[in-house]
PDB file of N, CA and C in Angstrom:
ATOM      1  N   MET A   1      65.910 -77.117 -13.734  1.00  0.00           N
ATOM      2  CA  MET A   1      64.395 -76.485 -13.947  1.00  0.00           C
ATOM      3  C   MET A   1      65.348 -75.576 -14.628  1.00  0.00           C
ATOM      4  N   GLU A   2      64.578 -74.599 -15.246  1.00  0.00           N
ATOM      5  CA  GLU A   2      64.590 -73.977 -15.997  1.00  0.00           C
ATOM      6  C   GLU A   2      63.569 -73.041 -15.392  1.00  0.00           C
ATOM      7  N   ILE A   3      64.137 -70.942 -15.389  1.00  0.00           N
ATOM      8  CA  ILE A   3      63.261 -70.122 -14.688  1.00  0.00           C
ATOM      9  C   ILE A   3      63.127 -68.523 -15.453  1.00  0.00           C
ATOM     10  N   ARG A   4      61.386 -68.484 -16.161  1.00  0.00           N
ATOM     11  CA  ARG A   4      61.694 -67.868 -17.501  1.00  0.00           C
ATOM     12  C   ARG A   4      60.101 -66.566 -17.108  1.00  0.00           C
ATOM     13  N   GLU A   5      59.982 -65.454 -18.603  1.00  0.00           N
ATOM     14  CA  GLU A   5      58.310 -64.674 -17.529  1.00  0.00           C
ATOM     15  C   GLU A   5      57.513 -66.339 -18.365  1.00  0.00           C
ATOM     16  N   ALA A   6      56.479 -65.898 -16.944  1.00  0.00           N
ATOM     17  CA  ALA A   6      54.963 -66.733 -18.113  1.00  0.00           C
ATOM     18  C   ALA A   6      54.762 -65.986 -18.996  1.00  0.00           C
ATOM     19  N   ILE A   7      53.826 -66.782 -19.604  1.00  0.00           N
ATOM     20  CA  ILE A   7      53.196 -66.834 -21.277  1.00  0.00           C
ATOM     21  C   ILE A   7      51.609 -67.337 -20.926  1.00  0.00           C
ATOM     22  N   GLN A   8      50.758 -66.456 -21.923  1.00  0.00           N
ATOM     23  CA  GLN A   8      49.728 -67.492 -22.066  1.00  0.00           C
ATOM     24  C   GLN A   8      49.631 -68.921 -21.496  1.00  0.00           C
ATOM     25  N   SER A   9      50.406 -69.580 -22.882  1.00  0.00           N
ATOM     26  CA  SER A   9      50.580 -70.620 -22.489  1.00  0.00           C
ATOM     27  C   SER A   9      50.740 -71.431 -21.275  1.00  0.00           C
ATOM     28  N   ASP A  10      50.920 -70.972 -19.826  1.00  0.00           N
ATOM     29  CA  ASP A  10      51.343 -70.991 -19.043  1.00  0.00           C
ATOM     30  C   ASP A  10      49.691 -70.974 -17.815  1.00  0.00           C
ATOM     31  N   MET A  11      48.554 -70.373 -18.708  1.00  0.00           N
ATOM     32  CA  MET A  11      47.530 -70.046 -17.505  1.00  0.00           C
ATOM     33  C   MET A  11      47.033 -71.703 -17.207  1.00  0.00           C
ATOM     34  N   THR A  12      46.421 -72.475 -17.209  1.00  0.00           N
ATOM     35  CA  THR A  12      45.970 -73.914 -16.805  1.00  0.00           C
ATOM     36  C   THR A  12      46.882 -74.035 -15.972  1.00  0.00           C
ATOM     37  N   GLU A  13      47.871 -73.928 -15.702  1.00  0.00           N
ATOM     38  CA  GLU A  13      49.261 -74.894 -14.532  1.00  0.00           C
ATOM     39  C   GLU A  13      48.760 -73.039 -13.267  1.00  0.00           C
ATOM     40  N   LEU A  14      48.806 -71.903 -14.124  1.00  0.00           N
ATOM     41  CA  LEU A  14      48.967 -70.741 -12.640  1.00  0.00           C
ATOM     42  C   LEU A  14      47.573 -70.722 -12.462  1.00  0.00           C
ATOM     43  N   ALA A  15      46.237 -71.162 -12.841  1.00  0.00           N
ATOM     44  CA  ALA A  15      45.258 -70.952 -11.865  1.00  0.00           C
ATOM     45  C   ALA A  15      45.530 -72.522 -11.306  1.00  0.00           C
ATOM     46  N   GLU A  16      45.918 -72.914 -11.839  1.00  0.00           N
ATOM     47  CA  GLU A  16      45.973 -74.748 -10.157  1.00  0.00           C
ATOM     48  C   GLU A  16      47.235 -73.804  -9.451  1.00  0.00           C
ATOM     49  N   LEU A  17      47.664 -73.603  -9.779  1.00  0.00           N
ATOM     50  CA  LEU A  17      48.969 -72.892  -8.715  1.00  0.00           C
ATOM     51  C   LEU A  17      48.397 -71.682  -7.975  1.00  0.00           C
ATOM     52  N   MET A  18      46.643 -70.731  -8.297  1.00  0.00           N
ATOM     53  CA  MET A  18      46.489 -70.186  -7.519  1.00  0.00           C
ATOM     54  C   MET A  18      45.454 -70.848  -6.632  1.00  0.00           C
ATOM     55  N   ASN A  19      44.547 -71.333  -7.003  1.00  0.00           N
ATOM     56  CA  ASN A  19      43.898 -73.231  -5.944  1.00  0.00           C
ATOM     57  C   ASN A  19      44.307 -73.431  -5.039  1.00  0.00           C
ATOM     58  N   GLN A  20      45.682 -73.969  -5.449  1.00  0.00           N
ATOM     59  CA  GLN A  20      46.557 -74.065  -4.337  1.00  0.00           C
ATOM     60  C   GLN A  20      47.445 -72.981  -3.571  1.00  0.00           C
ATOM     61  N   LEU A  21      47.469 -72.033  -3.640  1.00  0.00           N
ATOM     62  CA  LEU A  21      47.639 -70.939  -3.462  1.00  0.00           C
ATOM     63  C   LEU A  21      46.334 -70.858  -1.917  1.00  0.00           C
ATOM     64  N   GLY A  22      45.055 -70.875  -2.755  1.00  0.00           N
ATOM     65  CA  GLY A  22      43.941 -71.088  -1.607  1.00  0.00           C
ATOM     66  C   GLY A  22      42.698 -69.571  -2.409  1.00  0.00           C
ATOM     67  N   TYR A  23      43.647 -69.507  -4.039  1.00  0.00           N
ATOM     68  CA  TYR A  23      42.835 -68.455  -3.999  1.00  0.00           C
ATOM     69  C   TYR A  23      42.265 -69.082  -5.335  1.00  0.00           C
ATOM     70  N   PRO A  24      40.192 -69.194  -5.979  1.00  0.00           N
ATOM     71  CA  PRO A  24      39.675 -70.510  -6.268  1.00  0.00           C
ATOM     72  C   PRO A  24      40.027 -69.414  -7.767  1.00  0.00           C
ATOM     73  N   THR A  25      40.274 -70.034  -8.649  1.00  0.00           N
ATOM     74  CA  THR A  25      40.572 -68.913  -9.897  1.00  0.00           C
ATOM     75  C   THR A  25      40.810 -69.713 -10.863  1.00  0.00           C
ATOM     76  N   SER A  26      39.670 -69.449 -11.712  1.00  0.00           N
ATOM     77  CA  SER A  26      39.609 -70.468 -12.886  1.00  0.00           C
ATOM     78  C   SER A  26      40.452 -69.991 -13.793  1.00  0.00           C
ATOM     79  N   LEU A  27      39.945 -71.055 -15.168  1.00  0.00           N
ATOM     80  CA  LEU A  27      41.115 -70.539 -16.318  1.00  0.00           C
ATOM     81  C   LEU A  27      40.923 -69.279 -17.226  1.00  0.00           C
ATOM     82  N   LYS A  28      39.522 -69.060 -16.991  1.00  0.00           N
ATOM     83  CA  LYS A  28      39.072 -67.465 -17.542  1.00  0.00           C
ATOM     84  C   LYS A  28      39.261 -66.467 -16.915  1.00  0.00           C
ATOM     85  N   GLY A  29      39.398 -66.368 -15.332  1.00  0.00           N
ATOM     86  CA  GLY A  29      39.592 -66.067 -14.743  1.00  0.00           C
ATOM     87  C   GLY A  29      41.432 -65.141 -14.681  1.00  0.00           C
ATOM     88  N   MET A  30      41.658 -66.689 -14.253  1.00  0.00           N
ATOM     89  CA  MET A  30      42.981 -66.413 -14.293  1.00  0.00           C
ATOM     90  C   MET A  30      44.484 -66.047 -15.775  1.00  0.00           C
ATOM     91  N   ARG A  31      43.227 -66.384 -16.818  1.00  0.00           N
ATOM     92  CA  ARG A  31      43.779 -65.484 -18.586  1.00  0.00           C
ATOM     93  C   ARG A  31      43.308 -63.821 -17.831  1.00  0.00           C
ATOM     94  N   SER A  32      42.346 -63.679 -17.372  1.00  0.00           N
ATOM     95  CA  SER A  32      42.356 -62.411 -17.263  1.00  0.00           C
ATOM     96  C   SER A  32      42.425 -60.970 -16.378  1.00  0.00           C
ATOM     97  N   ARG A  33      43.087 -61.950 -14.790  1.00  0.00           N
ATOM     98  CA  ARG A  33      43.738 -61.188 -14.739  1.00  0.00           C
ATOM     99  C   ARG A  33      45.483 -61.304 -15.228  1.00  0.00           C
ATOM    100  N   PHE A  34      45.838 -62.235 -16.308  1.00  0.00           N
ATOM    101  CA  PHE A  34      46.734 -62.316 -16.825  1.00  0.00           C
ATOM    102  C   PHE A  34      47.802 -60.680 -17.511  1.00  0.00           C
ATOM    103  N   ASP A  35      46.203 -60.948 -18.168  1.00  0.00           N
ATOM    104  CA  ASP A  35      45.855 -59.808 -19.311  1.00  0.00           C
ATOM    105  C   ASP A  35      45.647 -58.673 -18.455  1.00  0.00           C
ATOM    106  N   ARG A  36      45.399 -58.621 -17.691  1.00  0.00           N
ATOM    107  CA  ARG A  36      45.994 -56.931 -16.749  1.00  0.00           C
ATOM    108  C   ARG A  36      47.601 -57.123 -16.557  1.00  0.00           C
ATOM    109  N   ILE A  37      48.057 -58.341 -15.873  1.00  0.00           N
ATOM    110  CA  ILE A  37      49.352 -57.989 -14.991  1.00  0.00           C
ATOM    111  C   ILE A  37      50.360 -58.063 -15.981  1.00  0.00           C
ATOM    112  N   GLU A  38      49.449 -58.337 -17.433  1.00  0.00           N
ATOM    113  CA  GLU A  38      51.219 -58.482 -18.109  1.00  0.00           C
ATOM    114  C   GLU A  38      51.472 -56.599 -18.456  1.00  0.00           C
ATOM    115  N   SER A  39      50.239 -56.419 -19.034  1.00  0.00           N
ATOM    116  CA  SER A  39      49.860 -54.794 -19.519  1.00  0.00           C
ATOM    117  C   SER A  39      49.999 -53.919 -18.397  1.00  0.00           C
ATOM    118  N   SER A  40      51.236 -54.382 -17.657  1.00  0.00           N
ATOM    119  CA  SER A  40      51.546 -53.709 -16.533  1.00  0.00           C
ATOM    120  C   SER A  40      52.863 -53.623 -16.877  1.00  0.00           C
ATOM    121  N   PRO A  41      53.924 -52.637 -16.653  1.00  0.00           N
ATOM    122  CA  PRO A  41      55.737 -52.433 -16.678  1.00  0.00           C
ATOM    123  C   PRO A  41      56.094 -53.188 -15.179  1.00  0.00           C
ATOM    124  N   ASP A  42      55.133 -52.430 -14.112  1.00  0.00           N
ATOM    125  CA  ASP A  42      55.760 -52.435 -13.240  1.00  0.00           C
ATOM    126  C   ASP A  42      55.149 -53.990 -12.001  1.00  0.00           C
ATOM    127  N   TYR A  43      54.919 -54.684 -12.917  1.00  0.00           N
ATOM    128  CA  TYR A  43      54.501 -55.900 -12.463  1.00  0.00           C
ATOM    129  C   TYR A  43      55.860 -57.452 -13.998  1.00  0.00           C
ATOM    130  N   ARG A  44      55.396 -58.275 -13.052  1.00  0.00           N
ATOM    131  CA  ARG A  44      56.610 -59.863 -13.318  1.00  0.00           C
ATOM    132  C   ARG A  44      56.209 -60.824 -13.249  1.00  0.00           C
ATOM    133  N   THR A  45      56.518 -61.425 -14.047  1.00  0.00           N
ATOM    134  CA  THR A  45      55.724 -63.382 -14.192  1.00  0.00           C
ATOM    135  C   THR A  45      56.728 -63.738 -14.065  1.00  0.00           C
ATOM    136  N   LEU A  46      57.715 -64.784 -12.870  1.00  0.00           N
ATOM    137  CA  LEU A  46      58.323 -65.326 -12.918  1.00  0.00           C
ATOM    138  C   LEU A  46      57.362 -67.387 -13.020  1.00  0.00           C
ATOM    139  N   VAL A  47      57.903 -67.931 -13.600  1.00  0.00           N
ATOM    140  CA  VAL A  47      57.738 -69.982 -13.817  1.00  0.00           C
ATOM    141  C   VAL A  47      59.559 -70.731 -13.619  1.00  0.00           C
ATOM    142  N   ALA A  48      58.885 -71.483 -12.863  1.00  0.00           N
ATOM    143  CA  ALA A  48      59.494 -72.604 -12.508  1.00  0.00           C
ATOM    144  C   ALA A  48      59.309 -74.161 -13.203  1.00  0.00           C
ATOM    145  N   VAL A  49      59.226 -73.961 -14.681  1.00  0.00           N
ATOM    146  CA  VAL A  49      59.726 -75.376 -14.940  1.00  0.00           C
ATOM    147  C   VAL A  49      59.993 -76.345 -15.159  1.00  0.00           C
ATOM    148  N   CYS A  50      59.864 -77.859 -14.985  1.00  0.00           N
ATOM    149  CA  CYS A  50      60.433 -79.021 -14.255  1.00  0.00           C
ATOM    150  C   CYS A  50      59.689 -80.091 -15.082  1.00  0.00           C
ATOM    151  N   ASN A  51      60.586 -80.720 -16.506  1.00  0.00           N
ATOM    152  CA  ASN A  51      59.640 -80.864 -16.553  1.00  0.00           C
ATOM    153  C   ASN A  51      58.910 -80.881 -17.951  1.00  0.00           C
ATOM    154  N   GLU A  52      59.447 -79.680 -18.270  1.00  0.00           N
ATOM    155  CA  GLU A  52      58.192 -78.840 -18.833  1.00  0.00           C
ATOM    156  C   GLU A  52      56.537 -79.336 -18.305  1.00  0.00           C
ATOM    157  N   LYS A  53      56.739 -78.789 -16.612  1.00  0.00           N
ATOM    158  CA  LYS A  53      55.705 -78.664 -16.416  1.00  0.00           C
ATOM    159  C   LYS A  53      55.651 -77.366 -15.506  1.00  0.00           C
ATOM    160  N   VAL A  54      55.339 -76.162 -15.406  1.00  0.00           N
ATOM    161  CA  VAL A  54      55.488 -75.209 -14.772  1.00  0.00           C
ATOM    162  C   VAL A  54      54.820 -75.581 -12.923  1.00  0.00           C
ATOM    163  N   ALA A  55      56.358 -75.974 -12.329  1.00  0.00           N
ATOM    164  CA  ALA A  55      56.437 -76.027 -10.674  1.00  0.00           C
ATOM    165  C   ALA A  55      56.120 -75.331  -9.707  1.00  0.00           C
ATOM    166  N   GLY A  56      56.222 -74.045 -10.520  1.00  0.00           N
ATOM    167  CA  GLY A  56      56.164 -72.945  -9.505  1.00  0.00           C
ATOM    168  C   GLY A  56      55.902 -71.554  -9.898  1.00  0.00           C
ATOM    169  N   MET A  57      55.405 -70.776  -8.800  1.00  0.00           N
ATOM    170  CA  MET A  57      55.227 -69.165  -9.943  1.00  0.00           C
ATOM    171  C   MET A  57      55.821 -67.816  -8.613  1.00  0.00           C
ATOM    172  N   ILE A  58      56.139 -66.556  -9.471  1.00  0.00           N
ATOM    173  CA  ILE A  58      56.454 -66.344  -8.171  1.00  0.00           C
ATOM    174  C   ILE A  58      56.155 -64.759  -9.153  1.00  0.00           C
ATOM    175  N   GLY A  59      55.410 -64.056  -8.537  1.00  0.00           N
ATOM    176  CA  GLY A  59      54.360 -62.818  -9.033  1.00  0.00           C
ATOM    177  C   GLY A  59      55.556 -61.152  -8.178  1.00  0.00           C
ATOM    178  N   LEU A  60      56.043 -60.677  -9.238  1.00  0.00           N
ATOM    179  CA  LEU A  60      55.984 -59.254  -8.381  1.00  0.00           C
ATOM    180  C   LEU A  60      55.128 -57.696  -8.858  1.00  0.00           C
ATOM    181  N   VAL A  61      56.224 -56.881  -8.096  1.00  0.00           N
ATOM    182  CA  VAL A  61      55.141 -56.021  -7.914  1.00  0.00           C
ATOM    183  C   VAL A  61      56.093 -55.038  -8.204  1.00  0.00           C
ATOM    184  N   LYS A  62      56.967 -53.719  -8.716  1.00  0.00           N
ATOM    185  CA  LYS A  62      57.194 -52.360  -8.511  1.00  0.00           C
ATOM    186  C   LYS A  62      57.014 -51.846  -7.487  1.00  0.00           C
ATOM    187  N   GLY A  63      57.213 -51.305  -6.729  1.00  0.00           N
ATOM    188  CA  GLY A  63      56.045 -49.721  -5.833  1.00  0.00           C
ATOM    189  C   GLY A  63      57.784 -48.779  -5.408  1.00  0.00           C
ATOM    190  N   TYR A  64      56.686 -47.879  -5.783  1.00  0.00           N
ATOM    191  CA  TYR A  64      57.864 -45.919  -5.066  1.00  0.00           C
ATOM    192  C   TYR A  64      57.462 -45.795  -3.800  1.00  0.00           C
ATOM    193  N   TYR A  65      58.937 -45.891  -3.062  1.00  0.00           N
ATOM    194  CA  TYR A  65      58.898 -44.321  -1.664  1.00  0.00           C
ATOM    195  C   TYR A  65      57.782 -43.168  -1.913  1.00  0.00           C
ATOM    196  N   TYR A  66      57.240 -43.290  -1.055  1.00  0.00           N
ATOM    197  CA  TYR A  66      57.202 -42.278  -0.900  1.00  0.00           C
ATOM    198  C   TYR A  66      57.864 -40.912   0.450  1.00  0.00           C
ATOM    199  N   GLU A  67      59.165 -41.802   0.694  1.00  0.00           N
ATOM    200  CA  GLU A  67      60.070 -41.080   1.999  1.00  0.00           C
ATOM    201  C   GLU A  67      60.975 -40.937   1.781  1.00  0.00           C
ATOM    202  N   MET A  68      61.536 -41.150   0.052  1.00  0.00           N
ATOM    203  CA  MET A  68      62.602 -40.720  -0.340  1.00  0.00           C
ATOM    204  C   MET A  68      63.277 -40.888  -1.755  1.00  0.00           C
ATOM    205  N   ASP A  69      64.165 -40.943  -2.297  1.00  0.00           N
ATOM    206  CA  ASP A  69      63.707 -41.466  -4.025  1.00  0.00           C
ATOM    207  C   ASP A  69      63.982 -42.792  -3.961  1.00  0.00           C
ATOM    208  N   GLY A  70      62.958 -43.442  -5.529  1.00  0.00           N
ATOM    209  CA  GLY A  70      63.654 -45.122  -5.644  1.00  0.00           C
ATOM    210  C   GLY A  70      62.361 -45.357  -5.956  1.00  0.00           C
ATOM    211  N   CYS A  71      62.621 -47.061  -6.002  1.00  0.00           N
ATOM    212  CA  CYS A  71      61.312 -47.764  -5.790  1.00  0.00           C
ATOM    213  C   CYS A  71      62.045 -49.386  -5.421  1.00  0.00           C
ATOM    214  N   TYR A  72      60.931 -50.283  -5.136  1.00  0.00           N
ATOM    215  CA  TYR A  72      61.409 -51.047  -4.065  1.00  0.00           C
ATOM    216  C   TYR A  72      60.464 -52.084  -4.970  1.00  0.00           C
ATOM    217  N   VAL A  73      60.872 -54.078  -4.963  1.00  0.00           N
ATOM    218  CA  VAL A  73      60.003 -54.829  -6.150  1.00  0.00           C
ATOM    219  C   VAL A  73      59.181 -55.471  -4.230  1.00  0.00           C
ATOM    220  N   ARG A  74      58.210 -55.984  -5.173  1.00  0.00           N
ATOM    221  CA  ARG A  74      57.925 -56.688  -3.096  1.00  0.00           C
ATOM    222  C   ARG A  74      56.794 -58.004  -4.131  1.00  0.00           C
ATOM    223  N   ILE A  75      56.999 -59.110  -3.084  1.00  0.00           N
ATOM    224  CA  ILE A  75      56.757 -60.257  -3.816  1.00  0.00           C
ATOM    225  C   ILE A  75      54.843 -59.909  -3.356  1.00  0.00           C
ATOM    226  N   VAL A  76      54.643 -60.010  -3.984  1.00  0.00           N
ATOM    227  CA  VAL A  76      53.056 -60.535  -4.126  1.00  0.00           C
ATOM    228  C   VAL A  76      52.322 -61.475  -3.993  1.00  0.00           C
ATOM    229  N   ALA A  77      53.784 -63.022  -4.378  1.00  0.00           N
ATOM    230  CA  ALA A  77      52.264 -64.372  -4.427  1.00  0.00           C
ATOM    231  C   ALA A  77      53.277 -65.069  -5.367  1.00  0.00           C
ATOM    232  N   LEU A  78      53.439 -66.427  -4.050  1.00  0.00           N
ATOM    233  CA  LEU A  78      54.164 -67.363  -4.525  1.00  0.00           C
ATOM    234  C   LEU A  78      53.987 -68.662  -4.068  1.00  0.00           C
ATOM    235  N   VAL A  79      54.082 -69.213  -4.754  1.00  0.00           N
ATOM    236  CA  VAL A  79      53.399 -70.489  -4.504  1.00  0.00           C
ATOM    237  C   VAL A  79      54.078 -71.537  -5.521  1.00  0.00           C
ATOM    238  N   VAL A  80      54.686 -73.321  -5.185  1.00  0.00           N
ATOM    239  CA  VAL A  80      55.543 -74.475  -5.659  1.00  0.00           C
ATOM    240  C   VAL A  80      54.079 -75.607  -5.853  1.00  0.00           C
ATOM    241  N   ASP A  81      53.478 -75.661  -6.510  1.00  0.00           N
ATOM    242  CA  ASP A  81      52.753 -76.862  -6.917  1.00  0.00           C
ATOM    243  C   ASP A  81      53.486 -77.986  -5.706  1.00  0.00           C
ATOM    244  N   SER A  82      52.058 -78.575  -4.997  1.00  0.00           N
ATOM    245  CA  SER A  82      52.295 -79.641  -4.009  1.00  0.00           C
ATOM    246  C   SER A  82      52.720 -80.867  -4.307  1.00  0.00           C
ATOM    247  N   ALA A  83      53.604 -81.641  -5.298  1.00  0.00           N
ATOM    248  CA  ALA A  83      53.988 -82.014  -6.623  1.00  0.00           C
ATOM    249  C   ALA A  83      55.436 -81.831  -7.022  1.00  0.00           C
ATOM    250  N   PHE A  84      56.125 -80.867  -6.296  1.00  0.00           N
ATOM    251  CA  PHE A  84      57.322 -80.059  -6.865  1.00  0.00           C
ATOM    252  C   PHE A  84      57.957 -79.709  -5.072  1.00  0.00           C
ATOM    253  N   ARG A  85      57.463 -79.664  -4.131  1.00  0.00           N
ATOM    254  CA  ARG A  85      58.102 -79.335  -3.127  1.00  0.00           C
ATOM    255  C   ARG A  85      58.562 -79.300  -1.924  1.00  0.00           C
ATOM    256  N   ASN A  86      59.018 -78.941  -1.700  1.00  0.00           N
ATOM    257  CA  ASN A  86      60.710 -80.293  -0.648  1.00  0.00           C
ATOM    258  C   ASN A  86      62.360 -79.816  -1.191  1.00  0.00           C
ATOM    259  N   LYS A  87      61.809 -79.194  -3.082  1.00  0.00           N
ATOM    260  CA  LYS A  87      63.252 -79.321  -3.629  1.00  0.00           C
ATOM    261  C   LYS A  87      64.003 -78.452  -3.984  1.00  0.00           C
ATOM    262  N   GLY A  88      63.364 -76.820  -3.310  1.00  0.00           N
ATOM    263  CA  GLY A  88      63.612 -75.849  -3.661  1.00  0.00           C
ATOM    264  C   GLY A  88      64.003 -74.846  -4.300  1.00  0.00           C
ATOM    265  N   ILE A  89      62.565 -75.285  -5.503  1.00  0.00           N
ATOM    266  CA  ILE A  89      62.095 -74.205  -6.458  1.00  0.00           C
ATOM    267  C   ILE A  89      61.362 -73.004  -5.758  1.00  0.00           C
ATOM    268  N   GLY A  90      60.916 -72.748  -4.658  1.00  0.00           N
ATOM    269  CA  GLY A  90      60.476 -71.728  -3.685  1.00  0.00           C
ATOM    270  C   GLY A  90      62.024 -70.838  -3.500  1.00  0.00           C
ATOM    271  N   HIS A  91      63.355 -71.491  -3.307  1.00  0.00           N
ATOM    272  CA  HIS A  91      63.523 -70.854  -2.939  1.00  0.00           C
ATOM    273  C   HIS A  91      64.399 -69.997  -3.899  1.00  0.00           C
ATOM    274  N   GLU A  92      64.764 -70.872  -5.105  1.00  0.00           N
ATOM    275  CA  GLU A  92      65.722 -70.894  -6.848  1.00  0.00           C
ATOM    276  C   GLU A  92      64.435 -69.422  -7.176  1.00  0.00           C
ATOM    277  N   LEU A  93      63.540 -69.623  -6.852  1.00  0.00           N
ATOM    278  CA  LEU A  93      62.729 -68.170  -7.575  1.00  0.00           C
ATOM    279  C   LEU A  93      62.662 -66.334  -6.816  1.00  0.00           C
ATOM    280  N   VAL A  94      63.346 -67.150  -5.666  1.00  0.00           N
ATOM    281  CA  VAL A  94      63.575 -65.848  -4.818  1.00  0.00           C
ATOM    282  C   VAL A  94      64.189 -65.862  -5.470  1.00  0.00           C
ATOM    283  N   VAL A  95      65.343 -65.881  -5.436  1.00  0.00           N
ATOM    284  CA  VAL A  95      67.246 -65.510  -5.542  1.00  0.00           C
ATOM    285  C   VAL A  95      66.623 -65.272  -7.497  1.00  0.00           C
ATOM    286  N   GLU A  96      65.922 -65.427  -8.110  1.00  0.00           N
ATOM    287  CA  GLU A  96      65.932 -65.537  -9.174  1.00  0.00           C
ATOM    288  C   GLU A  96      65.495 -63.940  -9.294  1.00  0.00           C
ATOM    289  N   ALA A  97      64.486 -63.568  -7.898  1.00  0.00           N
ATOM    290  CA  ALA A  97      63.493 -62.531  -8.201  1.00  0.00           C
ATOM    291  C   ALA A  97      64.640 -60.921  -8.159  1.00  0.00           C
ATOM    292  N   GLU A  98      65.483 -61.878  -6.497  1.00  0.00           N
ATOM    293  CA  GLU A  98      66.266 -60.655  -6.106  1.00  0.00           C
ATOM    294  C   GLU A  98      67.361 -60.405  -6.697  1.00  0.00           C
TER     295      GLU A  98
END
């Protein structure tokens, strides 16, 4: 398994992952969303690739504290394709995010 940054050619698989997560998403919609997300330096999208297929993804966003100096990173999306579940992929995506 390889974990890497998501790229435009992953959009078909990312749209399917969003559908599995319970958010109906077309390829056109995913491309549009990803274009906005990718243009922001405060977002990061990682994918887990197994056998040349995107098996899971994690979406991260950086936020800033009101009550103190500094920032934090929040997981805003995490999903593993149903064909790849129970193999530790979600865990590995979280470890990479940390």
